[in-house]
Full PDB file with SEQRES, HELIX, SHEET, SSBOND, CRYST1, ORIGX, SCALE, CONECT and MASTER records, all heavy atoms in Angstrom:
SEQRES   1 A   36  PRO PHE ILE SER ILE VAL THR ALA PHE PHE PRO ALA ARG          
SEQRES   2 A   36  LYS LEU GLY ILE ILE ILE ARG VAL SER LYS ALA TYR SER          
SEQRES   3 A   36  ILE LYS LYS GLY ASP GLU LEU ILE PRO THR                      
HELIX    1 AA1 PHE A    2  LYS A   14  1                                  13    
CRYST1    1.000    1.000    1.000  90.00  90.00  90.00 P 1           1          
ORIGX1      1.000000  0.000000  0.000000        0.00000                         
ORIGX2      0.000000  1.000000  0.000000        0.00000                         
ORIGX3      0.000000  0.000000  1.000000        0.00000                         
SCALE1      1.000000  0.000000  0.000000        0.00000                         
SCALE2      0.000000  1.000000  0.000000        0.00000                         
SCALE3      0.000000  0.000000  1.000000        0.00000                         
ATOM      1  N   PRO A   1      16.954 -10.532  35.036  1.00  0.00           N  
ATOM      2  CA  PRO A   1      15.666 -10.133  35.640  1.00  0.00           C  
ATOM      3  C   PRO A   1      14.667  -9.606  34.631  1.00  0.00           C  
ATOM      4  O   PRO A   1      13.468  -9.882  34.736  1.00  0.00           O  
ATOM      5  CB  PRO A   1      16.074  -9.046  36.644  1.00  0.00           C  
ATOM      6  CG  PRO A   1      17.478  -9.359  36.978  1.00  0.00           C  
ATOM      7  CD  PRO A   1      18.079  -9.879  35.719  1.00  0.00           C  
ATOM      8  N   PHE A   2      15.139  -8.862  33.617  1.00  0.00           N  
ATOM      9  CA  PHE A   2      14.231  -8.344  32.600  1.00  0.00           C  
ATOM     10  C   PHE A   2      13.649  -9.486  31.760  1.00  0.00           C  
ATOM     11  O   PHE A   2      12.458  -9.494  31.433  1.00  0.00           O  
ATOM     12  CB  PHE A   2      14.962  -7.337  31.699  1.00  0.00           C  
ATOM     13  CG  PHE A   2      15.454  -6.130  32.443  1.00  0.00           C  
ATOM     14  CD1 PHE A   2      16.773  -6.058  32.882  1.00  0.00           C  
ATOM     15  CD2 PHE A   2      14.608  -5.067  32.706  1.00  0.00           C  
ATOM     16  CE1 PHE A   2      17.232  -4.939  33.570  1.00  0.00           C  
ATOM     17  CE2 PHE A   2      15.058  -3.940  33.382  1.00  0.00           C  
ATOM     18  CZ  PHE A   2      16.367  -3.883  33.825  1.00  0.00           C  
ATOM     19  N   ILE A   3      14.497 -10.461  31.426  1.00  0.00           N  
ATOM     20  CA  ILE A   3      14.019 -11.628  30.671  1.00  0.00           C  
ATOM     21  C   ILE A   3      12.992 -12.400  31.501  1.00  0.00           C  
ATOM     22  O   ILE A   3      11.955 -12.850  31.005  1.00  0.00           O  
ATOM     23  CB  ILE A   3      15.204 -12.539  30.285  1.00  0.00           C  
ATOM     24  CG1 ILE A   3      16.183 -11.780  29.388  1.00  0.00           C  
ATOM     25  CG2 ILE A   3      14.709 -13.806  29.605  1.00  0.00           C  
ATOM     26  CD1 ILE A   3      17.468 -12.544  29.103  1.00  0.00           C  
ATOM     27  N   SER A   4      13.301 -12.551  32.786  1.00  0.00           N  
ATOM     28  CA  SER A   4      12.410 -13.294  33.678  1.00  0.00           C  
ATOM     29  C   SER A   4      11.036 -12.633  33.775  1.00  0.00           C  
ATOM     30  O   SER A   4      10.000 -13.311  33.722  1.00  0.00           O  
ATOM     31  CB  SER A   4      13.053 -13.399  35.063  1.00  0.00           C  
ATOM     32  OG  SER A   4      12.195 -14.037  35.968  1.00  0.00           O  
ATOM     33  N   ILE A   5      11.020 -11.300  33.890  1.00  0.00           N  
ATOM     34  CA  ILE A   5       9.749 -10.583  34.024  1.00  0.00           C  
ATOM     35  C   ILE A   5       8.950 -10.658  32.732  1.00  0.00           C  
ATOM     36  O   ILE A   5       7.729 -10.839  32.741  1.00  0.00           O  
ATOM     37  CB  ILE A   5      10.006  -9.120  34.430  1.00  0.00           C  
ATOM     38  CG1 ILE A   5      10.579  -9.072  35.849  1.00  0.00           C  
ATOM     39  CG2 ILE A   5       8.722  -8.305  34.355  1.00  0.00           C  
ATOM     40  CD1 ILE A   5      11.041  -7.703  36.282  1.00  0.00           C  
ATOM     41  N   VAL A   6       9.625 -10.534  31.584  1.00  0.00           N  
ATOM     42  CA  VAL A   6       8.932 -10.597  30.293  1.00  0.00           C  
ATOM     43  C   VAL A   6       8.282 -11.962  30.085  1.00  0.00           C  
ATOM     44  O   VAL A   6       7.142 -12.064  29.609  1.00  0.00           O  
ATOM     45  CB  VAL A   6       9.915 -10.273  29.146  1.00  0.00           C  
ATOM     46  CG1 VAL A   6       9.310 -10.640  27.794  1.00  0.00           C  
ATOM     47  CG2 VAL A   6      10.277  -8.801  29.165  1.00  0.00           C  
ATOM     48  N   THR A   7       8.980 -13.047  30.448  1.00  0.00           N  
ATOM     49  CA  THR A   7       8.425 -14.389  30.264  1.00  0.00           C  
ATOM     50  C   THR A   7       7.243 -14.658  31.191  1.00  0.00           C  
ATOM     51  O   THR A   7       6.481 -15.597  30.951  1.00  0.00           O  
ATOM     52  CB  THR A   7       9.508 -15.453  30.516  1.00  0.00           C  
ATOM     53  OG1 THR A   7      10.068 -15.266  31.825  1.00  0.00           O  
ATOM     54  CG2 THR A   7      10.608 -15.366  29.477  1.00  0.00           C  
ATOM     55  N   ALA A   8       7.083 -13.857  32.238  1.00  0.00           N  
ATOM     56  CA  ALA A   8       5.902 -13.981  33.088  1.00  0.00           C  
ATOM     57  C   ALA A   8       4.798 -13.023  32.661  1.00  0.00           C  
ATOM     58  O   ALA A   8       3.608 -13.322  32.818  1.00  0.00           O  
ATOM     59  CB  ALA A   8       6.273 -13.720  34.547  1.00  0.00           C  
ATOM     60  N   PHE A   9       5.180 -11.879  32.083  1.00  0.00           N  
ATOM     61  CA  PHE A   9       4.208 -10.857  31.721  1.00  0.00           C  
ATOM     62  C   PHE A   9       3.279 -11.325  30.604  1.00  0.00           C  
ATOM     63  O   PHE A   9       2.058 -11.182  30.698  1.00  0.00           O  
ATOM     64  CB  PHE A   9       4.941  -9.578  31.303  1.00  0.00           C  
ATOM     65  CG  PHE A   9       4.037  -8.510  30.756  1.00  0.00           C  
ATOM     66  CD1 PHE A   9       3.262  -7.750  31.608  1.00  0.00           C  
ATOM     67  CD2 PHE A   9       3.957  -8.282  29.389  1.00  0.00           C  
ATOM     68  CE1 PHE A   9       2.422  -6.762  31.106  1.00  0.00           C  
ATOM     69  CE2 PHE A   9       3.120  -7.310  28.882  1.00  0.00           C  
ATOM     70  CZ  PHE A   9       2.352  -6.539  29.746  1.00  0.00           C  
ATOM     71  N   PHE A  10       3.828 -11.901  29.550  1.00  0.00           N  
ATOM     72  CA  PHE A  10       3.006 -12.285  28.398  1.00  0.00           C  
ATOM     73  C   PHE A  10       2.031 -13.420  28.731  1.00  0.00           C  
ATOM     74  O   PHE A  10       0.850 -13.339  28.355  1.00  0.00           O  
ATOM     75  CB  PHE A  10       3.891 -12.634  27.206  1.00  0.00           C  
ATOM     76  CG  PHE A  10       4.491 -11.428  26.551  1.00  0.00           C  
ATOM     77  CD1 PHE A  10       5.815 -11.089  26.751  1.00  0.00           C  
ATOM     78  CD2 PHE A  10       3.712 -10.608  25.748  1.00  0.00           C  
ATOM     79  CE1 PHE A  10       6.363  -9.969  26.154  1.00  0.00           C  
ATOM     80  CE2 PHE A  10       4.254  -9.474  25.144  1.00  0.00           C  
ATOM     81  CZ  PHE A  10       5.584  -9.156  25.357  1.00  0.00           C  
ATOM     82  N   PRO A  11       2.438 -14.481  29.437  1.00  0.00           N  
ATOM     83  CA  PRO A  11       1.424 -15.472  29.836  1.00  0.00           C  
ATOM     84  C   PRO A  11       0.345 -14.889  30.743  1.00  0.00           C  
ATOM     85  O   PRO A  11      -0.829 -15.244  30.630  1.00  0.00           O  
ATOM     86  CB  PRO A  11       2.245 -16.546  30.562  1.00  0.00           C  
ATOM     87  CG  PRO A  11       3.612 -16.409  30.026  1.00  0.00           C  
ATOM     88  CD  PRO A  11       3.792 -14.946  29.763  1.00  0.00           C  
ATOM     89  N   ALA A  12       0.738 -13.985  31.654  1.00  0.00           N  
ATOM     90  CA  ALA A  12      -0.240 -13.404  32.567  1.00  0.00           C  
ATOM     91  C   ALA A  12      -1.327 -12.641  31.810  1.00  0.00           C  
ATOM     92  O   ALA A  12      -2.490 -12.616  32.223  1.00  0.00           O  
ATOM     93  CB  ALA A  12       0.451 -12.482  33.568  1.00  0.00           C  
ATOM     94  N   ARG A  13      -0.969 -12.015  30.699  1.00  0.00           N  
ATOM     95  CA  ARG A  13      -1.953 -11.257  29.921  1.00  0.00           C  
ATOM     96  C   ARG A  13      -2.964 -12.160  29.234  1.00  0.00           C  
ATOM     97  O   ARG A  13      -4.102 -11.764  28.988  1.00  0.00           O  
ATOM     98  CB  ARG A  13      -1.245 -10.410  28.858  1.00  0.00           C  
ATOM     99  CG  ARG A  13      -0.430  -9.259  29.420  1.00  0.00           C  
ATOM    100  CD  ARG A  13       0.161  -8.440  28.292  1.00  0.00           C  
ATOM    101  NE  ARG A  13      -0.841  -7.674  27.568  1.00  0.00           N  
ATOM    102  CZ  ARG A  13      -0.613  -7.066  26.405  1.00  0.00           C  
ATOM    103  NH1 ARG A  13       0.577  -7.164  25.838  1.00  0.00           N  
ATOM    104  NH2 ARG A  13      -1.553  -6.364  25.832  1.00  0.00           N  
ATOM    105  N   LYS A  14      -2.565 -13.388  28.914  1.00  0.00           N  
ATOM    106  CA  LYS A  14      -3.398 -14.243  28.075  1.00  0.00           C  
ATOM    107  C   LYS A  14      -4.010 -15.446  28.791  1.00  0.00           C  
ATOM    108  O   LYS A  14      -4.808 -16.166  28.199  1.00  0.00           O  
ATOM    109  CB  LYS A  14      -2.553 -14.757  26.896  1.00  0.00           C  
ATOM    110  CG  LYS A  14      -2.157 -13.693  25.890  1.00  0.00           C  
ATOM    111  CD  LYS A  14      -3.387 -13.189  25.128  1.00  0.00           C  
ATOM    112  CE  LYS A  14      -3.013 -12.233  24.012  1.00  0.00           C  
ATOM    113  NZ  LYS A  14      -4.194 -11.793  23.249  1.00  0.00           N  
ATOM    114  N   LEU A  15      -3.631 -15.676  30.026  1.00  0.00           N  
ATOM    115  CA  LEU A  15      -4.129 -16.872  30.714  1.00  0.00           C  
ATOM    116  C   LEU A  15      -5.650 -16.832  30.863  1.00  0.00           C  
ATOM    117  O   LEU A  15      -6.244 -15.800  31.158  1.00  0.00           O  
ATOM    118  CB  LEU A  15      -3.501 -16.995  32.102  1.00  0.00           C  
ATOM    119  CG  LEU A  15      -2.029 -17.393  32.184  1.00  0.00           C  
ATOM    120  CD1 LEU A  15      -1.629 -17.556  33.640  1.00  0.00           C  
ATOM    121  CD2 LEU A  15      -1.773 -18.675  31.430  1.00  0.00           C  
ATOM    122  N   GLY A  16      -6.268 -17.992  30.690  1.00  0.00           N  
ATOM    123  CA  GLY A  16      -7.683 -18.165  30.996  1.00  0.00           C  
ATOM    124  C   GLY A  16      -7.819 -19.098  32.186  1.00  0.00           C  
ATOM    125  O   GLY A  16      -7.311 -20.219  32.149  1.00  0.00           O  
ATOM    126  N   ILE A  17      -8.476 -18.628  33.241  1.00  0.00           N  
ATOM    127  CA  ILE A  17      -8.621 -19.414  34.462  1.00  0.00           C  
ATOM    128  C   ILE A  17     -10.099 -19.750  34.650  1.00  0.00           C  
ATOM    129  O   ILE A  17     -10.955 -18.859  34.615  1.00  0.00           O  
ATOM    130  CB  ILE A  17      -8.079 -18.658  35.689  1.00  0.00           C  
ATOM    131  CG1 ILE A  17      -6.626 -18.249  35.451  1.00  0.00           C  
ATOM    132  CG2 ILE A  17      -8.189 -19.511  36.944  1.00  0.00           C  
ATOM    133  CD1 ILE A  17      -6.041 -17.395  36.551  1.00  0.00           C  
ATOM    134  N   ILE A  18     -10.387 -21.025  34.840  1.00  0.00           N  
ATOM    135  CA  ILE A  18     -11.768 -21.499  34.962  1.00  0.00           C  
ATOM    136  C   ILE A  18     -11.897 -22.271  36.271  1.00  0.00           C  
ATOM    137  O   ILE A  18     -11.032 -23.075  36.620  1.00  0.00           O  
ATOM    138  CB  ILE A  18     -12.157 -22.400  33.776  1.00  0.00           C  
ATOM    139  CG1 ILE A  18     -12.030 -21.630  32.456  1.00  0.00           C  
ATOM    140  CG2 ILE A  18     -13.564 -22.941  33.939  1.00  0.00           C  
ATOM    141  CD1 ILE A  18     -12.209 -22.496  31.230  1.00  0.00           C  
ATOM    142  N   ILE A  19     -13.006 -22.033  36.971  1.00  0.00           N  
ATOM    143  CA  ILE A  19     -13.327 -22.808  38.168  1.00  0.00           C  
ATOM    144  C   ILE A  19     -14.684 -23.463  37.954  1.00  0.00           C  
ATOM    145  O   ILE A  19     -15.618 -22.841  37.459  1.00  0.00           O  
ATOM    146  CB  ILE A  19     -13.327 -21.926  39.437  1.00  0.00           C  
ATOM    147  CG1 ILE A  19     -13.553 -22.791  40.670  1.00  0.00           C  
ATOM    148  CG2 ILE A  19     -14.335 -20.803  39.354  1.00  0.00           C  
ATOM    149  CD1 ILE A  19     -13.304 -22.058  41.967  1.00  0.00           C  
ATOM    150  N   ARG A  20     -14.799 -24.729  38.312  1.00  0.00           N  
ATOM    151  CA  ARG A  20     -16.065 -25.446  38.174  1.00  0.00           C  
ATOM    152  C   ARG A  20     -16.180 -26.507  39.258  1.00  0.00           C  
ATOM    153  O   ARG A  20     -15.185 -26.950  39.825  1.00  0.00           O  
ATOM    154  CB  ARG A  20     -16.183 -26.082  36.786  1.00  0.00           C  
ATOM    155  CG  ARG A  20     -15.099 -27.071  36.436  1.00  0.00           C  
ATOM    156  CD  ARG A  20     -15.474 -27.855  35.169  1.00  0.00           C  
ATOM    157  NE  ARG A  20     -15.700 -26.981  34.045  1.00  0.00           N  
ATOM    158  CZ  ARG A  20     -14.795 -26.708  33.124  1.00  0.00           C  
ATOM    159  NH1 ARG A  20     -13.569 -27.230  33.233  1.00  0.00           N  
ATOM    160  NH2 ARG A  20     -15.065 -25.936  32.106  1.00  0.00           N  
ATOM    161  N   VAL A  21     -17.422 -26.896  39.525  1.00  0.00           N  
ATOM    162  CA  VAL A  21     -17.702 -27.972  40.474  1.00  0.00           C  
ATOM    163  C   VAL A  21     -18.612 -28.964  39.781  1.00  0.00           C  
ATOM    164  O   VAL A  21     -19.628 -28.590  39.189  1.00  0.00           O  
ATOM    165  CB  VAL A  21     -18.379 -27.444  41.758  1.00  0.00           C  
ATOM    166  CG1 VAL A  21     -18.674 -28.596  42.712  1.00  0.00           C  
ATOM    167  CG2 VAL A  21     -17.503 -26.414  42.442  1.00  0.00           C  
ATOM    168  N   SER A  22     -18.242 -30.224  39.823  1.00  0.00           N  
ATOM    169  CA  SER A  22     -19.042 -31.255  39.177  1.00  0.00           C  
ATOM    170  C   SER A  22     -20.385 -31.390  39.881  1.00  0.00           C  
ATOM    171  O   SER A  22     -20.457 -31.437  41.109  1.00  0.00           O  
ATOM    172  CB  SER A  22     -18.300 -32.599  39.199  1.00  0.00           C  
ATOM    173  OG  SER A  22     -19.120 -33.626  38.690  1.00  0.00           O  
ATOM    174  N   LYS A  23     -21.482 -31.441  39.091  1.00  0.00           N  
ATOM    175  CA  LYS A  23     -22.825 -31.623  39.644  1.00  0.00           C  
ATOM    176  C   LYS A  23     -23.469 -32.876  39.060  1.00  0.00           C  
ATOM    177  O   LYS A  23     -24.661 -32.925  38.786  1.00  0.00           O  
ATOM    178  CB  LYS A  23     -23.687 -30.393  39.342  1.00  0.00           C  
ATOM    179  CG  LYS A  23     -23.170 -29.111  39.974  1.00  0.00           C  
ATOM    180  CD  LYS A  23     -24.089 -27.949  39.666  1.00  0.00           C  
ATOM    181  CE  LYS A  23     -23.567 -26.649  40.264  1.00  0.00           C  
ATOM    182  NZ  LYS A  23     -24.440 -25.502  39.950  1.00  0.00           N  
ATOM    183  N   ALA A  24     -22.671 -33.900  38.866  1.00  0.00           N  
ATOM    184  CA  ALA A  24     -23.174 -35.128  38.259  1.00  0.00           C  
ATOM    185  C   ALA A  24     -24.116 -35.874  39.195  1.00  0.00           C  
ATOM    186  O   ALA A  24     -24.890 -36.711  38.762  1.00  0.00           O  
ATOM    187  CB  ALA A  24     -22.013 -36.032  37.857  1.00  0.00           C  
ATOM    188  N   TYR A  25     -24.082 -35.573  40.482  1.00  0.00           N  
ATOM    189  CA  TYR A  25     -24.944 -36.263  41.438  1.00  0.00           C  
ATOM    190  C   TYR A  25     -25.271 -35.302  42.571  1.00  0.00           C  
ATOM    191  O   TYR A  25     -24.632 -34.269  42.752  1.00  0.00           O  
ATOM    192  CB  TYR A  25     -24.259 -37.514  41.987  1.00  0.00           C  
ATOM    193  CG  TYR A  25     -22.989 -37.218  42.759  1.00  0.00           C  
ATOM    194  CD1 TYR A  25     -23.003 -37.103  44.151  1.00  0.00           C  
ATOM    195  CD2 TYR A  25     -21.781 -37.010  42.105  1.00  0.00           C  
ATOM    196  CE1 TYR A  25     -21.853 -36.817  44.848  1.00  0.00           C  
ATOM    197  CE2 TYR A  25     -20.617 -36.726  42.809  1.00  0.00           C  
ATOM    198  CZ  TYR A  25     -20.666 -36.639  44.180  1.00  0.00           C  
ATOM    199  OH  TYR A  25     -19.523 -36.346  44.874  1.00  0.00           O  
ATOM    200  N   SER A  26     -26.303 -35.639  43.343  1.00  0.00           N  
ATOM    201  CA  SER A  26     -26.674 -34.796  44.478  1.00  0.00           C  
ATOM    202  C   SER A  26     -25.645 -34.957  45.582  1.00  0.00           C  
ATOM    203  O   SER A  26     -25.372 -36.065  46.032  1.00  0.00           O  
ATOM    204  CB  SER A  26     -28.066 -35.193  44.978  1.00  0.00           C  
ATOM    205  OG  SER A  26     -29.048 -34.902  44.010  1.00  0.00           O  
ATOM    206  N   ILE A  27     -25.089 -33.844  46.026  1.00  0.00           N  
ATOM    207  CA  ILE A  27     -24.063 -33.872  47.062  1.00  0.00           C  
ATOM    208  C   ILE A  27     -24.742 -33.764  48.417  1.00  0.00           C  
ATOM    209  O   ILE A  27     -25.583 -32.893  48.640  1.00  0.00           O  
ATOM    210  CB  ILE A  27     -23.073 -32.716  46.857  1.00  0.00           C  
ATOM    211  CG1 ILE A  27     -22.465 -32.782  45.453  1.00  0.00           C  
ATOM    212  CG2 ILE A  27     -21.972 -32.746  47.905  1.00  0.00           C  
ATOM    213  CD1 ILE A  27     -21.670 -31.559  45.061  1.00  0.00           C  
ATOM    214  N   LYS A  28     -24.399 -34.662  49.311  1.00  0.00           N  
ATOM    215  CA  LYS A  28     -25.000 -34.702  50.634  1.00  0.00           C  
ATOM    216  C   LYS A  28     -24.030 -34.166  51.681  1.00  0.00           C  
ATOM    217  O   LYS A  28     -22.818 -34.097  51.464  1.00  0.00           O  
ATOM    218  CB  LYS A  28     -25.410 -36.132  50.994  1.00  0.00           C  
ATOM    219  CG  LYS A  28     -26.305 -36.815  49.971  1.00  0.00           C  
ATOM    220  CD  LYS A  28     -27.634 -36.115  49.837  1.00  0.00           C  
ATOM    221  CE  LYS A  28     -28.541 -36.858  48.847  1.00  0.00           C  
ATOM    222  NZ  LYS A  28     -29.827 -36.157  48.650  1.00  0.00           N  
ATOM    223  N   LYS A  29     -24.595 -33.792  52.823  1.00  0.00           N  
ATOM    224  CA  LYS A  29     -23.798 -33.300  53.938  1.00  0.00           C  
ATOM    225  C   LYS A  29     -22.761 -34.341  54.335  1.00  0.00           C  
ATOM    226  O   LYS A  29     -23.072 -35.515  54.499  1.00  0.00           O  
ATOM    227  CB  LYS A  29     -24.716 -32.984  55.120  1.00  0.00           C  
ATOM    228  CG  LYS A  29     -24.011 -32.461  56.347  1.00  0.00           C  
ATOM    229  CD  LYS A  29     -25.008 -32.163  57.452  1.00  0.00           C  
ATOM    230  CE  LYS A  29     -24.315 -31.694  58.723  1.00  0.00           C  
ATOM    231  NZ  LYS A  29     -25.292 -31.400  59.802  1.00  0.00           N  
ATOM    232  N   GLY A  30     -21.513 -33.911  54.468  1.00  0.00           N  
ATOM    233  CA  GLY A  30     -20.421 -34.816  54.799  1.00  0.00           C  
ATOM    234  C   GLY A  30     -19.689 -35.364  53.594  1.00  0.00           C  
ATOM    235  O   GLY A  30     -18.622 -35.960  53.745  1.00  0.00           O  
ATOM    236  N   ASP A  31     -20.257 -35.162  52.382  1.00  0.00           N  
ATOM    237  CA  ASP A  31     -19.579 -35.618  51.165  1.00  0.00           C  
ATOM    238  C   ASP A  31     -18.415 -34.689  50.839  1.00  0.00           C  
ATOM    239  O   ASP A  31     -18.301 -33.580  51.361  1.00  0.00           O  
ATOM    240  CB  ASP A  31     -20.547 -35.652  49.980  1.00  0.00           C  
ATOM    241  CG  ASP A  31     -21.542 -36.789  50.079  1.00  0.00           C  
ATOM    242  OD1 ASP A  31     -21.364 -37.642  50.973  1.00  0.00           O  
ATOM    243  OD2 ASP A  31     -22.506 -36.816  49.285  1.00  0.00           O  
ATOM    244  N   GLU A  32     -17.582 -35.155  49.938  1.00  0.00           N  
ATOM    245  CA  GLU A  32     -16.425 -34.373  49.500  1.00  0.00           C  
ATOM    246  C   GLU A  32     -16.741 -33.668  48.192  1.00  0.00           C  
ATOM    247  O   GLU A  32     -17.069 -34.303  47.190  1.00  0.00           O  
ATOM    248  CB  GLU A  32     -15.208 -35.280  49.332  1.00  0.00           C  
ATOM    249  CG  GLU A  32     -13.899 -34.543  49.138  1.00  0.00           C  
ATOM    250  CD  GLU A  32     -12.705 -35.480  49.063  1.00  0.00           C  
ATOM    251  OE1 GLU A  32     -12.609 -36.223  48.060  1.00  0.00           O  
ATOM    252  OE2 GLU A  32     -11.889 -35.489  49.992  1.00  0.00           O  
ATOM    253  N   LEU A  33     -16.703 -32.341  48.217  1.00  0.00           N  
ATOM    254  CA  LEU A  33     -16.815 -31.570  46.980  1.00  0.00           C  
ATOM    255  C   LEU A  33     -15.481 -31.594  46.254  1.00  0.00           C  
ATOM    256  O   LEU A  33     -14.421 -31.662  46.879  1.00  0.00           O  
ATOM    257  CB  LEU A  33     -17.193 -30.122  47.283  1.00  0.00           C  
ATOM    258  CG  LEU A  33     -18.515 -29.876  48.012  1.00  0.00           C  
ATOM    259  CD1 LEU A  33     -18.653 -28.399  48.329  1.00  0.00           C  
ATOM    260  CD2 LEU A  33     -19.676 -30.315  47.155  1.00  0.00           C  
ATOM    261  N   ILE A  34     -15.536 -31.528  44.939  1.00  0.00           N  
ATOM    262  CA  ILE A  34     -14.294 -31.519  44.154  1.00  0.00           C  
ATOM    263  C   ILE A  34     -14.297 -30.311  43.230  1.00  0.00           C  
ATOM    264  O   ILE A  34     -14.538 -30.425  42.023  1.00  0.00           O  
ATOM    265  CB  ILE A  34     -14.125 -32.834  43.347  1.00  0.00           C  
ATOM    266  CG1 ILE A  34     -14.298 -34.050  44.228  1.00  0.00           C  
ATOM    267  CG2 ILE A  34     -12.754 -32.852  42.679  1.00  0.00           C  
ATOM    268  CD1 ILE A  34     -13.189 -34.217  45.266  1.00  0.00           C  
ATOM    269  N   PRO A  35     -14.072 -29.100  43.761  1.00  0.00           N  
ATOM    270  CA  PRO A  35     -13.904 -27.955  42.852  1.00  0.00           C  
ATOM    271  C   PRO A  35     -12.622 -28.120  42.039  1.00  0.00           C  
ATOM    272  O   PRO A  35     -11.597 -28.572  42.568  1.00  0.00           O  
ATOM    273  CB  PRO A  35     -13.829 -26.749  43.793  1.00  0.00           C  
ATOM    274  CG  PRO A  35     -13.428 -27.307  45.114  1.00  0.00           C  
ATOM    275  CD  PRO A  35     -13.969 -28.700  45.172  1.00  0.00           C  
ATOM    276  N   THR A  36     -12.683 -27.773  40.774  1.00  0.00           N  
ATOM    277  CA  THR A  36     -11.556 -27.948  39.858  1.00  0.00           C  
ATOM    278  C   THR A  36     -11.130 -26.609  39.282  1.00  0.00           C  
ATOM    279  O   THR A  36     -11.969 -25.818  38.839  1.00  0.00           O  
ATOM    280  CB  THR A  36     -11.935 -28.903  38.710  1.00  0.00           C  
ATOM    281  OG1 THR A  36     -12.365 -30.161  39.260  1.00  0.00           O  
ATOM    282  CG2 THR A  36     -10.749 -29.153  37.801  1.00  0.00           C  
TER     283      THR A  36                                                      
MASTER        0    0    0    1    0    0    0    6  282    1    0    3          
END                                                                             
């Protein structure tokens, strides 16, 4: 359990999380957005 927690702790400290939505074209009502 200690090994398991350590291997999760270090990535959690350094992870970079990014959210974006493509705006390559005008999105119309009923279209599908693709947040990434």
